[in-house]
């Protein structure tokens, strides 16, 4: 059984589009590269052929991974999210109690995580510490440098 992956409807559609692209244009491109390399002679000593076959393996693994993520996906509608407590897909404004620095993160599934975009994985230590907390509460997060404390300032969608 695949892990459950909570996503928005838009994210699920993006995943499906990427899968379609990988299965069609992506496979065709790799098949072309293998055919070109095969034409260059002896396959036992053909580095281009070996590289193309290796790329094919990575490509097929990515397709399989994406298929599993889609199968395990459950769509969450943002209007169904309770913003009284931190949950998946909610945006959380927090302040580090020690340094007084503020951050804003959206808690998303593993496949959507992108720290540069302010999206952290639901499985990350910070998200695990924040889940279920309400505005005004303090979350303790275990980090390699020690325990960090974050005060929850706001929760939104």
N, C-alpha and C. Protein backbone atom coordinates (compact mmCIF):
# COMPACT_ATOMS: atom_id res chain seq x y z
N UNK A 1 0.84 -1.18 0.00
CA UNK A 1 0.00 0.00 0.00
C UNK A 1 0.88 1.24 0.00
N UNK A 2 0.60 2.13 -0.88
CA UNK A 2 1.35 3.38 -0.97
C UNK A 2 0.98 4.30 0.19
N UNK A 3 1.91 5.16 0.56
CA UNK A 3 1.63 6.15 1.59
C UNK A 3 0.59 7.12 1.07
N UNK A 4 -0.23 7.63 1.98
CA UNK A 4 -1.22 8.61 1.59
C UNK A 4 -0.53 9.95 1.39
N UNK A 5 -0.85 10.60 0.30
CA UNK A 5 -0.23 11.84 -0.11
C UNK A 5 -1.34 12.87 -0.28
N UNK A 6 -1.51 13.79 0.67
CA UNK A 6 -2.58 14.78 0.60
C UNK A 6 -2.16 15.94 -0.30
N UNK A 7 -2.97 16.20 -1.32
CA UNK A 7 -2.64 17.24 -2.30
C UNK A 7 -3.90 18.03 -2.65
N UNK A 8 -3.66 19.18 -3.26
CA UNK A 8 -4.79 19.96 -3.80
C UNK A 8 -5.15 19.39 -5.16
N UNK A 9 -6.30 19.78 -5.65
CA UNK A 9 -6.76 19.32 -6.97
C UNK A 9 -5.78 19.77 -8.06
N UNK A 10 -5.29 21.00 -7.95
CA UNK A 10 -4.33 21.52 -8.93
C UNK A 10 -3.03 20.72 -8.95
N UNK A 11 -2.54 20.37 -7.78
CA UNK A 11 -1.31 19.59 -7.70
C UNK A 11 -1.49 18.21 -8.31
N UNK A 12 -2.62 17.58 -8.04
CA UNK A 12 -2.89 16.27 -8.63
C UNK A 12 -2.93 16.37 -10.15
N UNK A 13 -3.53 17.42 -10.66
CA UNK A 13 -3.58 17.61 -12.11
C UNK A 13 -2.18 17.82 -12.68
N UNK A 14 -1.34 18.58 -11.99
CA UNK A 14 0.04 18.79 -12.43
C UNK A 14 0.80 17.47 -12.45
N UNK A 15 0.59 16.65 -11.44
CA UNK A 15 1.25 15.34 -11.39
C UNK A 15 0.80 14.47 -12.56
N UNK A 16 -0.47 14.49 -12.86
CA UNK A 16 -0.98 13.69 -13.99
C UNK A 16 -0.41 14.19 -15.32
N UNK A 17 -0.31 15.51 -15.48
CA UNK A 17 0.25 16.07 -16.71
C UNK A 17 1.73 15.69 -16.86
N UNK A 18 2.47 15.76 -15.76
CA UNK A 18 3.88 15.38 -15.81
C UNK A 18 4.02 13.90 -16.17
N UNK A 19 3.16 13.06 -15.61
CA UNK A 19 3.21 11.63 -15.91
C UNK A 19 2.93 11.39 -17.40
N UNK A 20 1.95 12.06 -17.93
CA UNK A 20 1.62 11.93 -19.36
C UNK A 20 2.80 12.36 -20.22
N UNK A 21 3.43 13.46 -19.85
CA UNK A 21 4.58 13.95 -20.61
C UNK A 21 5.73 12.93 -20.55
N UNK A 22 5.99 12.38 -19.37
CA UNK A 22 7.07 11.40 -19.23
C UNK A 22 6.79 10.14 -20.05
N UNK A 23 5.53 9.72 -20.07
CA UNK A 23 5.18 8.49 -20.79
C UNK A 23 5.16 8.69 -22.31
N UNK A 24 4.92 9.88 -22.78
CA UNK A 24 4.82 10.10 -24.22
C UNK A 24 6.12 10.70 -24.77
N UNK A 25 6.29 11.99 -24.65
CA UNK A 25 7.45 12.67 -25.22
C UNK A 25 8.76 12.20 -24.58
N UNK A 26 8.75 11.98 -23.28
CA UNK A 26 9.97 11.55 -22.58
C UNK A 26 10.45 10.19 -23.06
N UNK A 27 9.54 9.24 -23.16
CA UNK A 27 9.92 7.90 -23.64
C UNK A 27 10.37 7.95 -25.10
N UNK A 28 9.70 8.75 -25.91
CA UNK A 28 10.07 8.86 -27.32
C UNK A 28 11.48 9.43 -27.47
N UNK A 29 11.80 10.42 -26.66
CA UNK A 29 13.13 11.03 -26.72
C UNK A 29 14.21 10.03 -26.34
N UNK A 30 13.97 9.25 -25.31
CA UNK A 30 14.94 8.25 -24.88
C UNK A 30 15.08 7.14 -25.93
N UNK A 31 13.97 6.72 -26.52
CA UNK A 31 14.03 5.70 -27.57
C UNK A 31 14.86 6.21 -28.75
N UNK A 32 14.72 7.48 -29.10
CA UNK A 32 15.50 8.08 -30.17
C UNK A 32 16.99 8.05 -29.83
N UNK A 33 17.32 8.40 -28.58
CA UNK A 33 18.73 8.42 -28.16
C UNK A 33 19.32 7.01 -28.20
N UNK A 34 18.55 6.02 -27.80
CA UNK A 34 19.03 4.63 -27.84
C UNK A 34 19.24 4.18 -29.29
N UNK A 35 18.30 4.53 -30.16
CA UNK A 35 18.41 4.16 -31.58
C UNK A 35 19.64 4.80 -32.22
N UNK A 36 19.89 6.08 -31.91
CA UNK A 36 21.06 6.76 -32.46
C UNK A 36 22.35 6.10 -31.97
N UNK A 37 22.39 5.77 -30.70
CA UNK A 37 23.58 5.14 -30.13
C UNK A 37 23.78 3.73 -30.70
N UNK A 38 22.70 3.03 -30.95
CA UNK A 38 22.77 1.67 -31.49
C UNK A 38 23.37 1.69 -32.90
N UNK A 39 23.11 2.75 -33.64
CA UNK A 39 23.61 2.86 -35.01
C UNK A 39 25.12 3.07 -35.07
N UNK A 40 25.72 3.41 -33.97
CA UNK A 40 27.15 3.74 -33.96
C UNK A 40 28.05 2.52 -33.83
N UNK A 41 27.47 1.33 -33.87
CA UNK A 41 28.33 0.15 -33.92
C UNK A 41 28.21 -0.75 -32.72
N UNK A 42 29.32 -1.40 -32.40
CA UNK A 42 29.41 -2.43 -31.37
C UNK A 42 28.87 -1.94 -30.03
N UNK A 43 27.81 -2.60 -29.57
CA UNK A 43 27.15 -2.16 -28.33
C UNK A 43 28.00 -2.43 -27.08
N UNK A 44 28.94 -3.38 -27.17
CA UNK A 44 29.76 -3.71 -26.00
C UNK A 44 30.72 -2.59 -25.65
N UNK A 45 31.10 -1.79 -26.63
CA UNK A 45 32.06 -0.71 -26.39
C UNK A 45 31.47 0.65 -26.72
N UNK A 46 30.17 0.77 -26.58
CA UNK A 46 29.48 2.00 -26.97
C UNK A 46 29.01 2.74 -25.72
N UNK A 47 29.76 3.75 -25.31
CA UNK A 47 29.44 4.51 -24.09
C UNK A 47 28.12 5.27 -24.24
N UNK A 48 27.84 5.76 -25.45
CA UNK A 48 26.59 6.49 -25.67
C UNK A 48 25.38 5.57 -25.46
N UNK A 49 25.50 4.34 -25.91
CA UNK A 49 24.41 3.37 -25.74
C UNK A 49 24.20 3.08 -24.25
N UNK A 50 25.31 2.86 -23.54
CA UNK A 50 25.22 2.60 -22.09
C UNK A 50 24.57 3.77 -21.37
N UNK A 51 24.95 4.99 -21.73
CA UNK A 51 24.39 6.18 -21.09
C UNK A 51 22.90 6.31 -21.40
N UNK A 52 22.52 6.02 -22.65
CA UNK A 52 21.11 6.10 -23.03
C UNK A 52 20.27 5.06 -22.30
N UNK A 53 20.82 3.85 -22.14
CA UNK A 53 20.10 2.80 -21.42
C UNK A 53 19.98 3.16 -19.93
N UNK A 54 21.02 3.77 -19.38
CA UNK A 54 20.97 4.20 -17.98
C UNK A 54 19.93 5.31 -17.80
N UNK A 55 19.88 6.24 -18.74
CA UNK A 55 18.87 7.31 -18.69
C UNK A 55 17.47 6.72 -18.78
N UNK A 56 17.32 5.69 -19.58
CA UNK A 56 16.03 5.03 -19.70
C UNK A 56 15.61 4.43 -18.35
N UNK A 57 16.55 3.82 -17.65
CA UNK A 57 16.26 3.24 -16.33
C UNK A 57 15.80 4.30 -15.34
N UNK A 58 16.51 5.43 -15.31
CA UNK A 58 16.12 6.52 -14.41
C UNK A 58 14.74 7.07 -14.78
N UNK A 59 14.50 7.18 -16.07
CA UNK A 59 13.22 7.70 -16.56
C UNK A 59 12.07 6.79 -16.14
N UNK A 60 12.24 5.50 -16.32
CA UNK A 60 11.19 4.54 -15.94
C UNK A 60 10.98 4.52 -14.43
N UNK A 61 12.06 4.70 -13.66
CA UNK A 61 11.93 4.75 -12.20
C UNK A 61 11.14 5.99 -11.78
N UNK A 62 11.38 7.11 -12.46
CA UNK A 62 10.64 8.33 -12.15
C UNK A 62 9.15 8.16 -12.47
N UNK A 63 8.86 7.50 -13.59
CA UNK A 63 7.47 7.22 -13.95
C UNK A 63 6.80 6.37 -12.87
N UNK A 64 7.49 5.32 -12.44
CA UNK A 64 6.93 4.43 -11.41
C UNK A 64 6.70 5.18 -10.11
N UNK A 65 7.63 6.04 -9.73
CA UNK A 65 7.51 6.83 -8.50
C UNK A 65 6.32 7.78 -8.58
N UNK A 66 6.16 8.42 -9.71
CA UNK A 66 5.05 9.36 -9.90
C UNK A 66 3.71 8.63 -9.91
N UNK A 67 3.67 7.46 -10.53
CA UNK A 67 2.44 6.66 -10.53
C UNK A 67 2.04 6.28 -9.11
N UNK A 68 3.02 5.87 -8.30
CA UNK A 68 2.73 5.53 -6.89
C UNK A 68 2.22 6.75 -6.12
N UNK A 69 2.82 7.90 -6.37
CA UNK A 69 2.39 9.13 -5.69
C UNK A 69 0.96 9.47 -6.08
N UNK A 70 0.61 9.31 -7.34
CA UNK A 70 -0.75 9.61 -7.79
C UNK A 70 -1.75 8.62 -7.20
N UNK A 71 -1.39 7.35 -7.20
CA UNK A 71 -2.28 6.32 -6.63
C UNK A 71 -2.57 6.60 -5.15
N UNK A 72 -1.54 7.04 -4.43
CA UNK A 72 -1.69 7.30 -3.00
C UNK A 72 -2.21 8.69 -2.67
N UNK A 73 -2.55 9.47 -3.67
CA UNK A 73 -2.98 10.84 -3.44
C UNK A 73 -4.44 10.92 -3.00
N UNK A 74 -4.69 11.81 -2.09
CA UNK A 74 -6.04 12.13 -1.64
C UNK A 74 -6.19 13.63 -1.77
N UNK A 75 -7.22 14.04 -2.49
CA UNK A 75 -7.43 15.47 -2.74
C UNK A 75 -8.10 16.11 -1.53
N UNK A 76 -7.52 17.23 -1.12
CA UNK A 76 -8.10 18.01 -0.03
C UNK A 76 -8.52 19.34 -0.61
N UNK A 77 -9.74 19.72 -0.34
CA UNK A 77 -10.24 21.02 -0.78
C UNK A 77 -9.90 22.03 0.31
N UNK A 78 -9.33 23.15 -0.07
CA UNK A 78 -8.91 24.14 0.91
C UNK A 78 -10.08 24.67 1.74
N UNK A 79 -11.31 24.63 1.21
CA UNK A 79 -12.45 25.12 1.99
C UNK A 79 -12.81 24.15 3.12
N UNK A 80 -12.29 22.92 3.08
CA UNK A 80 -12.56 21.93 4.12
C UNK A 80 -11.53 21.97 5.25
N UNK A 81 -10.53 22.82 5.13
CA UNK A 81 -9.46 22.87 6.12
C UNK A 81 -9.88 23.72 7.31
N UNK A 82 -9.71 23.16 8.50
CA UNK A 82 -10.01 23.86 9.75
C UNK A 82 -8.78 24.69 10.12
N UNK A 83 -8.92 26.02 10.10
CA UNK A 83 -7.75 26.85 10.39
C UNK A 83 -7.62 27.21 11.87
N UNK A 84 -8.38 26.56 12.73
CA UNK A 84 -8.21 26.80 14.16
C UNK A 84 -6.95 26.09 14.68
N UNK A 85 -6.49 25.08 13.94
CA UNK A 85 -5.26 24.36 14.30
C UNK A 85 -4.46 24.13 13.03
N UNK A 86 -3.15 23.97 13.20
CA UNK A 86 -2.27 23.72 12.06
C UNK A 86 -2.55 22.33 11.50
N UNK A 87 -2.76 22.28 10.18
CA UNK A 87 -2.96 20.99 9.51
C UNK A 87 -2.31 21.06 8.13
N UNK A 88 -2.36 19.96 7.43
CA UNK A 88 -1.78 19.95 6.09
C UNK A 88 -2.51 20.95 5.20
N UNK A 89 -1.77 21.60 4.35
CA UNK A 89 -2.20 22.65 3.42
C UNK A 89 -2.49 24.00 4.07
N UNK A 90 -2.32 24.10 5.38
CA UNK A 90 -2.52 25.40 6.01
C UNK A 90 -1.21 26.19 5.96
N UNK A 91 -1.34 27.52 5.91
CA UNK A 91 -0.19 28.42 5.96
C UNK A 91 -0.03 28.86 7.41
N UNK A 92 1.19 28.82 7.88
CA UNK A 92 1.46 29.12 9.28
C UNK A 92 2.54 30.18 9.38
N UNK A 93 2.23 31.24 10.14
CA UNK A 93 3.24 32.26 10.43
C UNK A 93 3.76 31.96 11.82
N UNK A 94 5.07 31.76 11.91
CA UNK A 94 5.68 31.40 13.20
C UNK A 94 6.85 32.33 13.50
N UNK A 95 7.17 32.40 14.78
CA UNK A 95 8.31 33.19 15.21
C UNK A 95 9.20 32.30 16.07
N UNK A 96 10.49 32.29 15.76
CA UNK A 96 11.46 31.57 16.56
C UNK A 96 11.58 32.31 17.89
N UNK A 97 11.26 31.63 18.98
CA UNK A 97 11.24 32.26 20.30
C UNK A 97 12.61 32.81 20.68
N UNK A 98 13.68 32.11 20.34
CA UNK A 98 15.02 32.51 20.73
C UNK A 98 15.55 33.67 19.89
N UNK A 99 15.41 33.58 18.56
CA UNK A 99 16.00 34.60 17.68
C UNK A 99 15.02 35.71 17.30
N UNK A 100 13.74 35.52 17.57
CA UNK A 100 12.67 36.47 17.24
C UNK A 100 12.47 36.65 15.72
N UNK A 101 13.01 35.73 14.92
CA UNK A 101 12.81 35.77 13.47
C UNK A 101 11.48 35.13 13.13
N UNK A 102 10.77 35.76 12.19
CA UNK A 102 9.47 35.23 11.76
C UNK A 102 9.61 34.52 10.41
N UNK A 103 8.82 33.48 10.25
CA UNK A 103 8.79 32.70 9.02
C UNK A 103 7.33 32.41 8.68
N UNK A 104 7.07 32.19 7.40
CA UNK A 104 5.74 31.74 6.99
C UNK A 104 5.93 30.53 6.09
N UNK A 105 5.27 29.45 6.45
CA UNK A 105 5.36 28.20 5.70
C UNK A 105 3.97 27.68 5.40
N UNK A 106 3.87 26.97 4.29
CA UNK A 106 2.66 26.20 4.01
C UNK A 106 3.07 24.74 4.17
N UNK A 107 2.27 24.00 4.90
CA UNK A 107 2.56 22.58 5.13
C UNK A 107 1.91 21.78 4.01
N UNK A 108 2.74 21.09 3.26
CA UNK A 108 2.27 20.37 2.08
C UNK A 108 2.75 18.91 2.11
N UNK A 109 2.32 18.14 1.11
CA UNK A 109 2.75 16.75 1.01
C UNK A 109 4.22 16.67 0.63
N UNK A 110 4.78 15.48 0.74
CA UNK A 110 6.19 15.26 0.41
C UNK A 110 6.50 15.69 -1.03
N UNK A 111 5.59 15.40 -1.95
CA UNK A 111 5.85 15.68 -3.36
C UNK A 111 5.78 17.17 -3.70
N UNK A 112 5.11 17.96 -2.90
CA UNK A 112 4.95 19.39 -3.17
C UNK A 112 5.99 20.25 -2.46
N UNK A 113 6.74 19.68 -1.55
CA UNK A 113 7.66 20.45 -0.73
C UNK A 113 8.67 21.23 -1.58
N UNK A 114 8.84 22.50 -1.25
CA UNK A 114 9.77 23.39 -1.94
C UNK A 114 10.09 24.53 -0.97
N UNK A 115 11.21 24.41 -0.29
CA UNK A 115 11.55 25.38 0.75
C UNK A 115 11.68 26.80 0.20
N UNK A 116 12.19 26.94 -1.02
CA UNK A 116 12.33 28.28 -1.62
C UNK A 116 10.97 28.94 -1.80
N UNK A 117 9.94 28.14 -2.02
CA UNK A 117 8.58 28.67 -2.20
C UNK A 117 7.83 28.74 -0.88
N UNK A 118 8.50 28.40 0.22
CA UNK A 118 7.86 28.46 1.53
C UNK A 118 6.95 27.28 1.81
N UNK A 119 7.18 26.17 1.12
CA UNK A 119 6.36 24.97 1.31
C UNK A 119 7.22 23.89 1.95
N UNK A 120 6.82 23.47 3.16
CA UNK A 120 7.58 22.42 3.84
C UNK A 120 6.76 21.14 3.91
N UNK A 121 7.47 20.04 3.88
CA UNK A 121 6.84 18.73 3.89
C UNK A 121 6.17 18.44 5.23
N UNK A 122 5.03 17.79 5.16
CA UNK A 122 4.30 17.41 6.37
C UNK A 122 5.14 16.46 7.22
N UNK A 123 6.12 15.80 6.60
CA UNK A 123 6.99 14.88 7.34
C UNK A 123 8.24 15.53 7.91
N UNK A 124 8.43 16.82 7.67
CA UNK A 124 9.62 17.51 8.18
C UNK A 124 9.49 17.73 9.69
N UNK A 125 10.61 17.84 10.38
CA UNK A 125 10.56 18.05 11.84
C UNK A 125 9.76 19.29 12.24
N UNK A 126 9.90 20.39 11.51
CA UNK A 126 9.16 21.62 11.85
C UNK A 126 7.66 21.38 11.71
N UNK A 127 7.25 20.80 10.58
CA UNK A 127 5.82 20.56 10.35
C UNK A 127 5.27 19.60 11.40
N UNK A 128 6.01 18.56 11.72
CA UNK A 128 5.54 17.60 12.73
C UNK A 128 5.32 18.30 14.08
N UNK A 129 6.21 19.25 14.40
CA UNK A 129 6.06 19.99 15.65
C UNK A 129 4.89 20.95 15.64
N UNK A 130 4.56 21.48 14.47
CA UNK A 130 3.49 22.47 14.36
C UNK A 130 2.09 21.85 14.25
N UNK A 131 1.99 20.67 13.66
CA UNK A 131 0.68 20.05 13.42
C UNK A 131 -0.15 19.94 14.70
N UNK A 132 -1.39 20.37 14.61
CA UNK A 132 -2.32 20.28 15.73
C UNK A 132 -2.25 21.44 16.71
N UNK A 133 -1.32 22.34 16.52
CA UNK A 133 -1.18 23.49 17.42
C UNK A 133 -2.09 24.63 16.96
N UNK A 134 -2.50 25.47 17.91
CA UNK A 134 -3.36 26.62 17.62
C UNK A 134 -2.56 27.91 17.75
N UNK A 135 -3.15 29.01 17.28
CA UNK A 135 -2.51 30.32 17.38
C UNK A 135 -2.22 30.63 18.85
N UNK A 136 -1.01 31.12 19.11
CA UNK A 136 -0.60 31.46 20.47
C UNK A 136 0.17 30.34 21.15
N UNK A 137 0.04 29.13 20.67
CA UNK A 137 0.76 28.00 21.27
C UNK A 137 2.21 28.00 20.80
N UNK A 138 3.05 27.31 21.55
CA UNK A 138 4.45 27.18 21.21
C UNK A 138 4.73 25.73 20.84
N UNK A 139 5.42 25.55 19.72
CA UNK A 139 5.78 24.21 19.26
C UNK A 139 7.26 24.00 19.50
N UNK A 140 7.60 22.84 20.02
CA UNK A 140 9.00 22.49 20.22
C UNK A 140 9.41 21.53 19.12
N UNK A 141 10.52 21.86 18.47
CA UNK A 141 11.00 21.06 17.35
C UNK A 141 12.41 20.58 17.65
N UNK A 142 12.61 19.28 17.55
CA UNK A 142 13.94 18.71 17.78
C UNK A 142 14.79 18.94 16.53
N UNK A 143 15.95 19.56 16.72
CA UNK A 143 16.88 19.82 15.62
C UNK A 143 18.26 19.32 16.03
N UNK A 144 19.14 19.10 15.07
CA UNK A 144 20.49 18.63 15.43
C UNK A 144 21.21 19.55 16.42
N UNK A 145 20.92 20.85 16.34
CA UNK A 145 21.57 21.81 17.24
C UNK A 145 20.86 21.93 18.59
N UNK A 146 19.79 21.17 18.78
CA UNK A 146 19.02 21.23 20.02
C UNK A 146 17.56 21.53 19.74
N UNK A 147 16.79 21.66 20.78
CA UNK A 147 15.36 21.93 20.62
C UNK A 147 15.12 23.39 20.28
N UNK A 148 14.29 23.60 19.26
CA UNK A 148 13.92 24.95 18.85
C UNK A 148 12.47 25.16 19.22
N UNK A 149 12.13 26.39 19.63
CA UNK A 149 10.75 26.72 19.99
C UNK A 149 10.20 27.76 19.03
N UNK A 150 9.00 27.49 18.52
CA UNK A 150 8.34 28.39 17.60
C UNK A 150 6.97 28.76 18.15
N UNK A 151 6.67 30.05 18.19
CA UNK A 151 5.35 30.53 18.60
C UNK A 151 4.52 30.69 17.35
N UNK A 152 3.30 30.17 17.38
CA UNK A 152 2.43 30.25 16.23
C UNK A 152 1.67 31.57 16.28
N UNK A 153 1.92 32.43 15.27
CA UNK A 153 1.35 33.76 15.21
C UNK A 153 0.03 33.80 14.44
N UNK A 154 -0.08 33.01 13.36
CA UNK A 154 -1.27 33.02 12.52
C UNK A 154 -1.38 31.74 11.72
N UNK A 155 -2.62 31.37 11.44
CA UNK A 155 -2.90 30.21 10.60
C UNK A 155 -3.90 30.66 9.55
N UNK A 156 -3.61 30.35 8.29
CA UNK A 156 -4.51 30.71 7.20
C UNK A 156 -4.47 29.62 6.13
N UNK A 157 -5.18 29.91 5.04
CA UNK A 157 -5.18 28.94 3.94
C UNK A 157 -4.40 29.51 2.79
